[in-house]
Amino acid sequence: MELEMLVRRAKKGDKDAFLELMLLHKEYLYRTAFLYTRNQDMACDAVQECIIKSMEAIGQLKKPEFFKSWITRILINCALAEKRKNRRYVEEPEWESEEWAQEEAPVSAEEKMDLYRAIDRLDYPYKVIIIQKYFFDSKLNDIAALLEMPLGTVKVYHARAKEKLRRYLESG
């Protein structure tokens, strides 16, 4: 069934359509939450909270074609809130435990950890831009829509984020 049709049905209160939307996006939602929280439990909690919030607010979505951007914004907010809530309980990131992290070009585990730690040090929205651009291959136009920022601003932030990452990695 076409995605926009599912979104329209969900907006009208069709719980089955909403469930189907969540099932279609479950891997994306978890992966995104994990990139922000670096913890499996917190990522699951963030996805769960996102589903609850989006179910309550689906009627407020203006354009069905922007469903993915809309739910991504909700998810990022939930993931960051979950991370803040659990800040003192977070130990070492669980990056290496994820199968999809192994799909990248051959890089040592230490180099991956250094990169992930550097990404984690970035502030919002730099972190969002880097994750969306390099982990999900999003175009800068799509990231601008997601962040509700002008494209020029996102381009500047992208350049700054890459520079900050370079500096973090060079400084060890």
C-alpha atoms as a PDB file:
ATOM      1  CA  MET A   1       0.000   0.000   0.000  1.00  0.00           C
ATOM      2  CA  GLU A   2       1.297   3.446  -0.840  1.00  0.00           C
ATOM      3  CA  LEU A   3       2.957   5.221   2.078  1.00  0.00           C
ATOM      4  CA  GLU A   4       0.983   8.460   1.702  1.00  0.00           C
ATOM      5  CA  MET A   5      -2.279   6.525   1.688  1.00  0.00           C
ATOM      6  CA  LEU A   6      -1.276   4.797   4.928  1.00  0.00           C
ATOM      7  CA  VAL A   7      -0.451   8.157   6.466  1.00  0.00           C
ATOM      8  CA  ARG A   8      -3.819   9.587   5.407  1.00  0.00           C
ATOM      9  CA  ARG A   9      -5.613   6.603   6.913  1.00  0.00           C
ATOM     10  CA  ALA A  10      -3.597   6.897  10.138  1.00  0.00           C
ATOM     11  CA  LYS A  11      -4.455  10.609  10.346  1.00  0.00           C
ATOM     12  CA  LYS A  12      -8.135   9.655  10.214  1.00  0.00           C
ATOM     13  CA  GLY A  13      -7.664   7.371  13.224  1.00  0.00           C
ATOM     14  CA  ASP A  14      -7.004   4.029  11.519  1.00  0.00           C
ATOM     15  CA  LYS A  15      -4.850   2.218  14.110  1.00  0.00           C
ATOM     16  CA  ASP A  16      -3.988  -0.607  11.690  1.00  0.00           C
ATOM     17  CA  ALA A  17      -2.585   1.906   9.196  1.00  0.00           C
ATOM     18  CA  PHE A  18      -0.547   3.534  11.981  1.00  0.00           C
ATOM     19  CA  LEU A  19       0.771   0.141  13.068  1.00  0.00           C
ATOM     20  CA  GLU A  20       1.748  -0.665   9.490  1.00  0.00           C
ATOM     21  CA  LEU A  21       3.596   2.667   9.250  1.00  0.00           C
ATOM     22  CA  MET A  22       5.517   1.868  12.423  1.00  0.00           C
ATOM     23  CA  LEU A  23       6.385  -1.615  11.159  1.00  0.00           C
ATOM     24  CA  LEU A  24       7.636  -0.159   7.882  1.00  0.00           C
ATOM     25  CA  HIS A  25       9.850   2.315   9.761  1.00  0.00           C
ATOM     26  CA  LYS A  26      10.860   0.237  12.803  1.00  0.00           C
ATOM     27  CA  GLU A  27      14.433  -0.464  11.693  1.00  0.00           C
ATOM     28  CA  TYR A  28      14.985   3.160  10.672  1.00  0.00           C
ATOM     29  CA  LEU A  29      13.547   4.405  13.975  1.00  0.00           C
ATOM     30  CA  TYR A  30      15.690   2.088  16.089  1.00  0.00           C
ATOM     31  CA  ARG A  31      18.840   2.778  14.110  1.00  0.00           C
ATOM     32  CA  THR A  32      18.324   6.525  14.349  1.00  0.00           C
ATOM     33  CA  ALA A  33      17.600   6.374  18.084  1.00  0.00           C
ATOM     34  CA  PHE A  34      20.677   4.227  18.628  1.00  0.00           C
ATOM     35  CA  LEU A  35      22.874   6.720  16.792  1.00  0.00           C
ATOM     36  CA  TYR A  36      21.740   9.419  19.205  1.00  0.00           C
ATOM     37  CA  THR A  37      21.718   7.439  22.452  1.00  0.00           C
ATOM     38  CA  ARG A  38      24.543   4.911  21.813  1.00  0.00           C
ATOM     39  CA  ASN A  39      22.655   2.473  24.024  1.00  0.00           C
ATOM     40  CA  GLN A  40      20.248  -0.309  23.044  1.00  0.00           C
ATOM     41  CA  ASP A  41      17.889   0.091  25.995  1.00  0.00           C
ATOM     42  CA  MET A  42      17.687   3.853  25.675  1.00  0.00           C
ATOM     43  CA  ALA A  43      17.165   3.530  21.908  1.00  0.00           C
ATOM     44  CA  CYS A  44      14.251   1.137  22.480  1.00  0.00           C
ATOM     45  CA  ASP A  45      12.780   3.479  25.079  1.00  0.00           C
ATOM     46  CA  ALA A  46      13.141   6.441  22.720  1.00  0.00           C
ATOM     47  CA  VAL A  47      11.421   4.548  19.891  1.00  0.00           C
ATOM     48  CA  GLN A  48       8.617   3.527  22.219  1.00  0.00           C
ATOM     49  CA  GLU A  49       8.133   7.118  23.385  1.00  0.00           C
ATOM     50  CA  CYS A  50       8.261   8.323  19.777  1.00  0.00           C
ATOM     51  CA  ILE A  51       5.537   5.873  18.772  1.00  0.00           C
ATOM     52  CA  ILE A  52       3.306   7.009  21.616  1.00  0.00           C
ATOM     53  CA  LYS A  53       3.838  10.707  20.865  1.00  0.00           C
ATOM     54  CA  SER A  54       3.401  10.280  17.122  1.00  0.00           C
ATOM     55  CA  MET A  55       0.235   8.237  17.605  1.00  0.00           C
ATOM     56  CA  GLU A  56      -1.209  11.032  19.734  1.00  0.00           C
ATOM     57  CA  ALA A  57      -0.140  13.740  17.273  1.00  0.00           C
ATOM     58  CA  ILE A  58      -0.608  12.070  13.870  1.00  0.00           C
ATOM     59  CA  GLY A  59      -3.708  14.146  13.258  1.00  0.00           C
ATOM     60  CA  GLN A  60      -1.598  17.308  13.394  1.00  0.00           C
ATOM     61  CA  LEU A  61       0.652  16.210  10.503  1.00  0.00           C
ATOM     62  CA  LYS A  62      -0.150  18.653   7.724  1.00  0.00           C
ATOM     63  CA  LYS A  63       1.321  16.915   4.678  1.00  0.00           C
ATOM     64  CA  PRO A  64       1.492  13.111   4.459  1.00  0.00           C
ATOM     65  CA  GLU A  65       4.547  13.265   2.178  1.00  0.00           C
ATOM     66  CA  PHE A  66       6.550  14.697   5.099  1.00  0.00           C
ATOM     67  CA  PHE A  67       5.730  11.813   7.441  1.00  0.00           C
ATOM     68  CA  LYS A  68       9.313  10.547   7.665  1.00  0.00           C
ATOM     69  CA  SER A  69      10.727  14.003   8.461  1.00  0.00           C
ATOM     70  CA  TRP A  70       7.955  14.564  10.985  1.00  0.00           C
ATOM     71  CA  ILE A  71       8.497  11.288  12.821  1.00  0.00           C
ATOM     72  CA  THR A  72      12.279  11.728  12.679  1.00  0.00           C
ATOM     73  CA  ARG A  73      11.976  15.074  14.472  1.00  0.00           C
ATOM     74  CA  ILE A  74       9.839  13.459  17.161  1.00  0.00           C
ATOM     75  CA  LEU A  75      12.304  10.573  17.458  1.00  0.00           C
ATOM     76  CA  ILE A  76      15.362  12.811  17.749  1.00  0.00           C
ATOM     77  CA  ASN A  77      13.665  14.779  20.525  1.00  0.00           C
ATOM     78  CA  CYS A  78      12.720  11.550  22.320  1.00  0.00           C
ATOM     79  CA  ALA A  79      16.233  10.133  21.948  1.00  0.00           C
ATOM     80  CA  LEU A  80      17.882  13.287  23.258  1.00  0.00           C
ATOM     81  CA  ALA A  81      15.423  13.425  26.170  1.00  0.00           C
ATOM     82  CA  GLU A  82      16.125   9.770  26.967  1.00  0.00           C
ATOM     83  CA  LYS A  83      19.845  10.443  26.884  1.00  0.00           C
ATOM     84  CA  ARG A  84      19.487  13.441  29.212  1.00  0.00           C
ATOM     85  CA  LYS A  85      17.291  11.426  31.568  1.00  0.00           C
ATOM     86  CA  ASN A  86      19.825   8.590  31.748  1.00  0.00           C
ATOM     87  CA  ARG A  87      23.039  10.604  31.515  1.00  0.00           C
ATOM     88  CA  ARG A  88      24.486   9.398  34.800  1.00  0.00           C
ATOM     89  CA  TYR A  89      23.742   5.738  34.021  1.00  0.00           C
ATOM     90  CA  VAL A  90      25.398   5.618  30.604  1.00  0.00           C
ATOM     91  CA  GLU A  91      28.673   3.786  30.602  1.00  0.00           C
ATOM     92  CA  GLU A  92      30.599   2.909  27.481  1.00  0.00           C
ATOM     93  CA  PRO A  93      28.748   3.313  24.158  1.00  0.00           C
ATOM     94  CA  GLU A  94      27.568   0.078  22.573  1.00  0.00           C
ATOM     95  CA  TRP A  95      28.680   0.991  19.038  1.00  0.00           C
ATOM     96  CA  GLU A  96      30.607  -2.175  18.409  1.00  0.00           C
ATOM     97  CA  SER A  97      27.629  -4.395  19.253  1.00  0.00           C
ATOM     98  CA  GLU A  98      25.611  -3.328  16.240  1.00  0.00           C
ATOM     99  CA  GLU A  99      25.706  -5.498  13.127  1.00  0.00           C
ATOM    100  CA  TRP A 100      25.076  -2.598  10.745  1.00  0.00           C
ATOM    101  CA  ALA A 101      28.218  -0.870  11.982  1.00  0.00           C
ATOM    102  CA  GLN A 102      30.176  -3.749  10.453  1.00  0.00           C
ATOM    103  CA  GLU A 103      28.905  -2.908   6.952  1.00  0.00           C
ATOM    104  CA  GLU A 104      31.262   0.053   6.615  1.00  0.00           C
ATOM    105  CA  ALA A 105      34.616   0.019   4.833  1.00  0.00           C
ATOM    106  CA  PRO A 106      37.323  -1.918   6.694  1.00  0.00           C
ATOM    107  CA  VAL A 107      38.289   0.300   9.615  1.00  0.00           C
ATOM    108  CA  SER A 108      39.777  -0.734  12.920  1.00  0.00           C
ATOM    109  CA  ALA A 109      37.496  -0.907  15.944  1.00  0.00           C
ATOM    110  CA  GLU A 110      39.567   1.826  17.601  1.00  0.00           C
ATOM    111  CA  GLU A 111      39.112   4.160  14.634  1.00  0.00           C
ATOM    112  CA  LYS A 112      35.363   3.535  14.659  1.00  0.00           C
ATOM    113  CA  MET A 113      35.162   4.246  18.371  1.00  0.00           C
ATOM    114  CA  ASP A 114      37.173   7.450  17.923  1.00  0.00           C
ATOM    115  CA  LEU A 115      34.826   8.569  15.152  1.00  0.00           C
ATOM    116  CA  TYR A 116      31.680   7.729  17.131  1.00  0.00           C
ATOM    117  CA  ARG A 117      33.025   9.503  20.212  1.00  0.00           C
ATOM    118  CA  ALA A 118      33.834  12.557  18.089  1.00  0.00           C
ATOM    119  CA  ILE A 119      30.307  12.540  16.625  1.00  0.00           C
ATOM    120  CA  ASP A 120      28.895  12.220  20.120  1.00  0.00           C
ATOM    121  CA  ARG A 121      30.774  15.384  21.167  1.00  0.00           C
ATOM    122  CA  LEU A 122      29.018  17.442  18.485  1.00  0.00           C
ATOM    123  CA  ASP A 123      26.208  19.727  19.576  1.00  0.00           C
ATOM    124  CA  TYR A 124      22.732  19.780  18.085  1.00  0.00           C
ATOM    125  CA  PRO A 125      22.215  20.425  15.101  1.00  0.00           C
ATOM    126  CA  TYR A 126      25.733  19.476  13.968  1.00  0.00           C
ATOM    127  CA  LYS A 127      25.234  15.931  15.222  1.00  0.00           C
ATOM    128  CA  VAL A 128      21.903  15.624  13.409  1.00  0.00           C
ATOM    129  CA  ILE A 129      23.442  16.816  10.156  1.00  0.00           C
ATOM    130  CA  ILE A 130      26.394  14.406  10.325  1.00  0.00           C
ATOM    131  CA  ILE A 131      24.255  11.411  11.297  1.00  0.00           C
ATOM    132  CA  GLN A 132      21.595  12.071   8.655  1.00  0.00           C
ATOM    133  CA  LYS A 133      24.158  12.831   5.934  1.00  0.00           C
ATOM    134  CA  TYR A 134      26.669  10.050   6.497  1.00  0.00           C
ATOM    135  CA  PHE A 135      24.699   7.284   8.193  1.00  0.00           C
ATOM    136  CA  PHE A 136      21.444   7.641   6.239  1.00  0.00           C
ATOM    137  CA  ASP A 137      22.755   9.260   3.021  1.00  0.00           C
ATOM    138  CA  SER A 138      20.247  12.103   3.357  1.00  0.00           C
ATOM    139  CA  LYS A 139      20.580  15.055   1.028  1.00  0.00           C
ATOM    140  CA  LEU A 140      21.229  18.458   2.582  1.00  0.00           C
ATOM    141  CA  ASN A 141      17.827  19.626   1.256  1.00  0.00           C
ATOM    142  CA  ASP A 142      16.126  16.838   3.205  1.00  0.00           C
ATOM    143  CA  ILE A 143      18.147  17.631   6.321  1.00  0.00           C
ATOM    144  CA  ALA A 144      17.145  21.297   6.002  1.00  0.00           C
ATOM    145  CA  ALA A 145      13.481  20.231   5.886  1.00  0.00           C
ATOM    146  CA  LEU A 146      13.981  17.912   8.858  1.00  0.00           C
ATOM    147  CA  LEU A 147      15.592  20.660  10.946  1.00  0.00           C
ATOM    148  CA  GLU A 148      13.264  23.327   9.552  1.00  0.00           C
ATOM    149  CA  MET A 149      16.259  25.482   8.632  1.00  0.00           C
ATOM    150  CA  PRO A 150      17.245  27.248   5.426  1.00  0.00           C
ATOM    151  CA  LEU A 151      19.456  25.154   3.131  1.00  0.00           C
ATOM    152  CA  GLY A 152      22.254  27.739   3.352  1.00  0.00           C
ATOM    153  CA  THR A 153      22.325  27.423   7.129  1.00  0.00           C
ATOM    154  CA  VAL A 154      22.502  23.631   6.907  1.00  0.00           C
ATOM    155  CA  LYS A 155      25.384  23.885   4.425  1.00  0.00           C
ATOM    156  CA  VAL A 156      27.307  26.159   6.804  1.00  0.00           C
ATOM    157  CA  TYR A 157      26.573  23.884   9.771  1.00  0.00           C
ATOM    158  CA  HIS A 158      27.629  20.852   7.715  1.00  0.00           C
ATOM    159  CA  ALA A 159      30.986  22.452   6.933  1.00  0.00           C
ATOM    160  CA  ARG A 160      31.438  23.461  10.585  1.00  0.00           C
ATOM    161  CA  ALA A 161      30.497  19.974  11.807  1.00  0.00           C
ATOM    162  CA  LYS A 162      33.049  18.353   9.493  1.00  0.00           C
ATOM    163  CA  GLU A 163      35.697  20.793  10.683  1.00  0.00           C
ATOM    164  CA  LYS A 164      34.882  20.086  14.338  1.00  0.00           C
ATOM    165  CA  LEU A 165      35.060  16.340  13.681  1.00  0.00           C
ATOM    166  CA  ARG A 166      38.414  16.756  11.966  1.00  0.00           C
ATOM    167  CA  ARG A 167      39.744  18.735  14.923  1.00  0.00           C
ATOM    168  CA  TYR A 168      38.392  16.222  17.464  1.00  0.00           C
ATOM    169  CA  LEU A 169      39.973  13.327  15.588  1.00  0.00           C
ATOM    170  CA  GLU A 170      43.315  15.089  15.102  1.00  0.00           C
ATOM    171  CA  SER A 171      43.530  16.034  18.771  1.00  0.00           C
ATOM    172  CA  GLY A 172      42.971  12.421  19.803  1.00  0.00           C
END
